[in-house]
C-alpha atoms as a PDB file:
ATOM      1  CA  MET A   1      52.060  72.522   8.807  1.00  0.00           C
ATOM      2  CA  THR A   2      52.753  75.072  11.530  1.00  0.00           C
ATOM      3  CA  GLN A   3      55.500  77.621  11.124  1.00  0.00           C
ATOM      4  CA  PRO A   4      57.902  78.196  14.000  1.00  0.00           C
ATOM      5  CA  HIS A   5      57.595  81.436  15.943  1.00  0.00           C
ATOM      6  CA  ARG A   6      59.856  84.044  14.368  1.00  0.00           C
ATOM      7  CA  ARG A   7      61.507  86.598  16.593  1.00  0.00           C
ATOM      8  CA  PRO A   8      61.257  90.236  15.487  1.00  0.00           C
ATOM      9  CA  ASP A   9      64.250  91.742  13.723  1.00  0.00           C
ATOM     10  CA  LEU A  10      66.725  93.541  15.953  1.00  0.00           C
ATOM     11  CA  GLU A  11      67.334  97.250  15.586  1.00  0.00           C
ATOM     12  CA  PRO A  12      70.740  98.151  14.143  1.00  0.00           C
ATOM     13  CA  MET A  13      73.316  98.976  16.776  1.00  0.00           C
ATOM     14  CA  LYS A  14      74.180 102.655  16.947  1.00  0.00           C
ATOM     15  CA  THR A  15      77.921 103.258  16.786  1.00  0.00           C
ATOM     16  CA  ASN A  16      80.179 106.270  16.479  1.00  0.00           C
ATOM     17  CA  ASP A  17      81.788 105.527  13.135  1.00  0.00           C
ATOM     18  CA  SER A  18      83.556 108.888  12.950  1.00  0.00           C
ATOM     19  CA  ALA A  19      85.462 108.164  16.161  1.00  0.00           C
ATOM     20  CA  THR A  20      86.436 104.745  14.818  1.00  0.00           C
ATOM     21  CA  PHE A  21      87.873 106.215  11.619  1.00  0.00           C
ATOM     22  CA  LEU A  22      89.621 109.003  13.528  1.00  0.00           C
ATOM     23  CA  ALA A  23      91.250 106.523  15.919  1.00  0.00           C
ATOM     24  CA  GLY A  24      92.405 104.280  13.069  1.00  0.00           C
ATOM     25  CA  THR A  25      93.760 107.202  11.069  1.00  0.00           C
ATOM     26  CA  ALA A  26      95.598 108.510  14.141  1.00  0.00           C
ATOM     27  CA  LEU A  27      97.209 105.097  14.694  1.00  0.00           C
ATOM     28  CA  TRP A  28      98.385 104.986  11.077  1.00  0.00           C
ATOM     29  CA  ALA A  29      99.796 108.515  11.490  1.00  0.00           C
ATOM     30  CA  VAL A  30     101.676 107.510  14.655  1.00  0.00           C
ATOM     31  CA  ALA A  31     103.111 104.494  12.844  1.00  0.00           C
ATOM     32  CA  ALA A  32     104.204 106.728   9.939  1.00  0.00           C
ATOM     33  CA  ILE A  33     105.895 109.171  12.327  1.00  0.00           C
ATOM     34  CA  VAL A  34     107.731 106.325  14.044  1.00  0.00           C
ATOM     35  CA  LEU A  35     108.917 105.025  10.678  1.00  0.00           C
ATOM     36  CA  LEU A  36     110.128 108.488   9.668  1.00  0.00           C
ATOM     37  CA  ILE A  37     112.131 108.690  12.896  1.00  0.00           C
ATOM     38  CA  VAL A  38     113.549 105.150  12.669  1.00  0.00           C
ATOM     39  CA  GLN A  39     114.358 105.405   8.934  1.00  0.00           C
ATOM     40  CA  PRO A  40     113.945 101.809   7.715  1.00  0.00           C
ATOM     41  CA  SER A  41     116.303 100.450   5.085  1.00  0.00           C
ATOM     42  CA  PRO A  42     115.508 101.233   1.427  1.00  0.00           C
ATOM     43  CA  ASP A  43     114.101  97.751   0.814  1.00  0.00           C
ATOM     44  CA  GLN A  44     111.666  98.259   3.740  1.00  0.00           C
ATOM     45  CA  ARG A  45     110.258 101.614   2.561  1.00  0.00           C
ATOM     46  CA  TRP A  46     106.982  99.927   1.674  1.00  0.00           C
ATOM     47  CA  TRP A  47     106.071 100.096   5.386  1.00  0.00           C
ATOM     48  CA  LEU A  48     105.905 103.878   5.147  1.00  0.00           C
ATOM     49  CA  TRP A  49     103.747 103.668   2.031  1.00  0.00           C
ATOM     50  CA  THR A  50     101.440 101.260   3.837  1.00  0.00           C
ATOM     51  CA  CYS A  51     101.000 103.812   6.635  1.00  0.00           C
ATOM     52  CA  LEU A  52     100.306 106.570   4.112  1.00  0.00           C
ATOM     53  CA  ALA A  53      97.714 104.369   2.391  1.00  0.00           C
ATOM     54  CA  GLY A  54      96.116 103.705   5.795  1.00  0.00           C
ATOM     55  CA  ILE A  55      95.929 107.438   6.496  1.00  0.00           C
ATOM     56  CA  ALA A  56      94.384 108.072   3.073  1.00  0.00           C
ATOM     57  CA  GLY A  57      91.865 105.270   3.555  1.00  0.00           C
ATOM     58  CA  GLY A  58      90.934 106.569   7.006  1.00  0.00           C
ATOM     59  CA  LEU A  59      90.388 110.102   5.706  1.00  0.00           C
ATOM     60  CA  PHE A  60      88.226 108.779   2.884  1.00  0.00           C
ATOM     61  CA  GLY A  61      86.231 106.686   5.378  1.00  0.00           C
ATOM     62  CA  LEU A  62      85.760 109.703   7.626  1.00  0.00           C
ATOM     63  CA  PHE A  63      84.523 111.764   4.675  1.00  0.00           C
ATOM     64  CA  TYR A  64      82.175 108.966   3.599  1.00  0.00           C
ATOM     65  CA  VAL A  65      80.687 108.391   7.074  1.00  0.00           C
ATOM     66  CA  ARG A  66      80.068 112.074   7.711  1.00  0.00           C
ATOM     67  CA  ARG A  67      78.451 112.479   4.286  1.00  0.00           C
ATOM     68  CA  ARG A  68      76.284 109.407   4.895  1.00  0.00           C
ATOM     69  CA  ASN A  69      75.166 110.717   8.293  1.00  0.00           C
ATOM     70  CA  ARG A  70      74.248 114.108   6.825  1.00  0.00           C
ATOM     71  CA  ARG A  71      72.101 112.533   4.123  1.00  0.00           C
ATOM     72  CA  ALA A  72      70.452 109.870   6.266  1.00  0.00           C
ATOM     73  CA  PRO A  73      66.810 110.444   7.156  1.00  0.00           C
ATOM     74  CA  THR A  74      66.129 111.172  10.792  1.00  0.00           C
ATOM     75  CA  PRO A  75      64.807 108.067  12.518  1.00  0.00           C
ATOM     76  CA  PRO A  76      61.350 108.221  14.089  1.00  0.00           C
ATOM     77  CA  SER A  77      61.469 109.114  17.741  1.00  0.00           C
ATOM     78  CA  ASP A  78      61.210 106.230  20.145  1.00  0.00           C
ATOM     79  CA  PRO A  79      58.537 106.895  22.781  1.00  0.00           C
ATOM     80  CA  ARG A  80      60.673 105.120  25.389  1.00  0.00           C
ATOM     81  CA  TRP A  81      63.343 107.832  25.041  1.00  0.00           C
ATOM     82  CA  SER A  82      61.115 110.886  24.735  1.00  0.00           C
ATOM     83  CA  ARG A  83      61.370 113.620  27.317  1.00  0.00           C
ATOM     84  CA  ALA A  84      57.611 113.890  27.716  1.00  0.00           C
ATOM     85  CA  PRO A  85      56.310 112.751  31.097  1.00  0.00           C
ATOM     86  CA  PRO A  86      54.756 109.286  31.031  1.00  0.00           C
ATOM     87  CA  SER A  87      51.004 109.158  30.947  1.00  0.00           C
ATOM     88  CA  ARG A  88      49.406 107.909  34.126  1.00  0.00           C
ATOM     89  CA  PRO A  89      47.042 104.969  33.849  1.00  0.00           C
ATOM     90  CA  THR A  90      43.536 105.594  35.034  1.00  0.00           C
ATOM     91  CA  PRO A  91      42.653 103.624  38.175  1.00  0.00           C
ATOM     92  CA  ARG A  92      40.276 100.748  37.730  1.00  0.00           C
ATOM     93  CA  THR A  93      37.033 100.803  39.568  1.00  0.00           C
ATOM     94  CA  SER A  94      35.288  97.717  40.768  1.00  0.00           C
ATOM     95  CA  SER A  95      31.640  96.877  41.004  1.00  0.00           C
ATOM     96  CA  ASP A  96      31.424  98.256  44.569  1.00  0.00           C
ATOM     97  CA  GLY A  97      32.958 101.602  43.575  1.00  0.00           C
ATOM     98  CA  LEU A  98      36.312 101.037  45.304  1.00  0.00           C
ATOM     99  CA  THR A  99      39.481 101.528  43.286  1.00  0.00           C
ATOM    100  CA  GLY A 100      42.386  99.175  43.089  1.00  0.00           C
ATOM    101  CA  LEU A 101      42.051  95.429  42.762  1.00  0.00           C
ATOM    102  CA  PRO A 102      39.401  93.897  40.517  1.00  0.00           C
ATOM    103  CA  GLY A 103      36.294  93.155  42.530  1.00  0.00           C
ATOM    104  CA  GLY A 104      37.031  95.869  45.096  1.00  0.00           C
ATOM    105  CA  THR A 105      39.545  96.029  47.944  1.00  0.00           C
ATOM    106  CA  ALA A 106      37.404  93.876  50.162  1.00  0.00           C
ATOM    107  CA  ASN A 107      38.325  90.826  48.072  1.00  0.00           C
ATOM    108  CA  ALA A 108      42.000  91.341  48.908  1.00  0.00           C
ATOM    109  CA  PHE A 109      41.375  90.808  52.617  1.00  0.00           C
ATOM    110  CA  VAL A 110      39.310  87.655  52.408  1.00  0.00           C
ATOM    111  CA  GLY A 111      40.938  84.939  54.463  1.00  0.00           C
ATOM    112  CA  CYS A 112      43.418  87.282  56.158  1.00  0.00           C
ATOM    113  CA  ALA A 113      41.732  87.171  59.544  1.00  0.00           C
END
């Protein structure tokens, strides 16, 4: 029984998790400031506590992501993104000593006349 062709695994997508947590924490802080200005009724004070919990969760997430990034091993460098100049391929030589197309350049002009 033949097995179907399996595609190679994709590389994980690189994201800026710190910016995500900072943006979310900032939004929770803005919501908390708005609620402090508006002063909701006493039975709606849980909204403010929800914002404070969101700020606390965002700060914890920011701490966690930065700690994870510090401890993560450095990934191997990808040769496609290296700053080294690309190596030049050596030209092929044909049987008649001419470089370029296999069989010499004379074969490229056969039938062109």
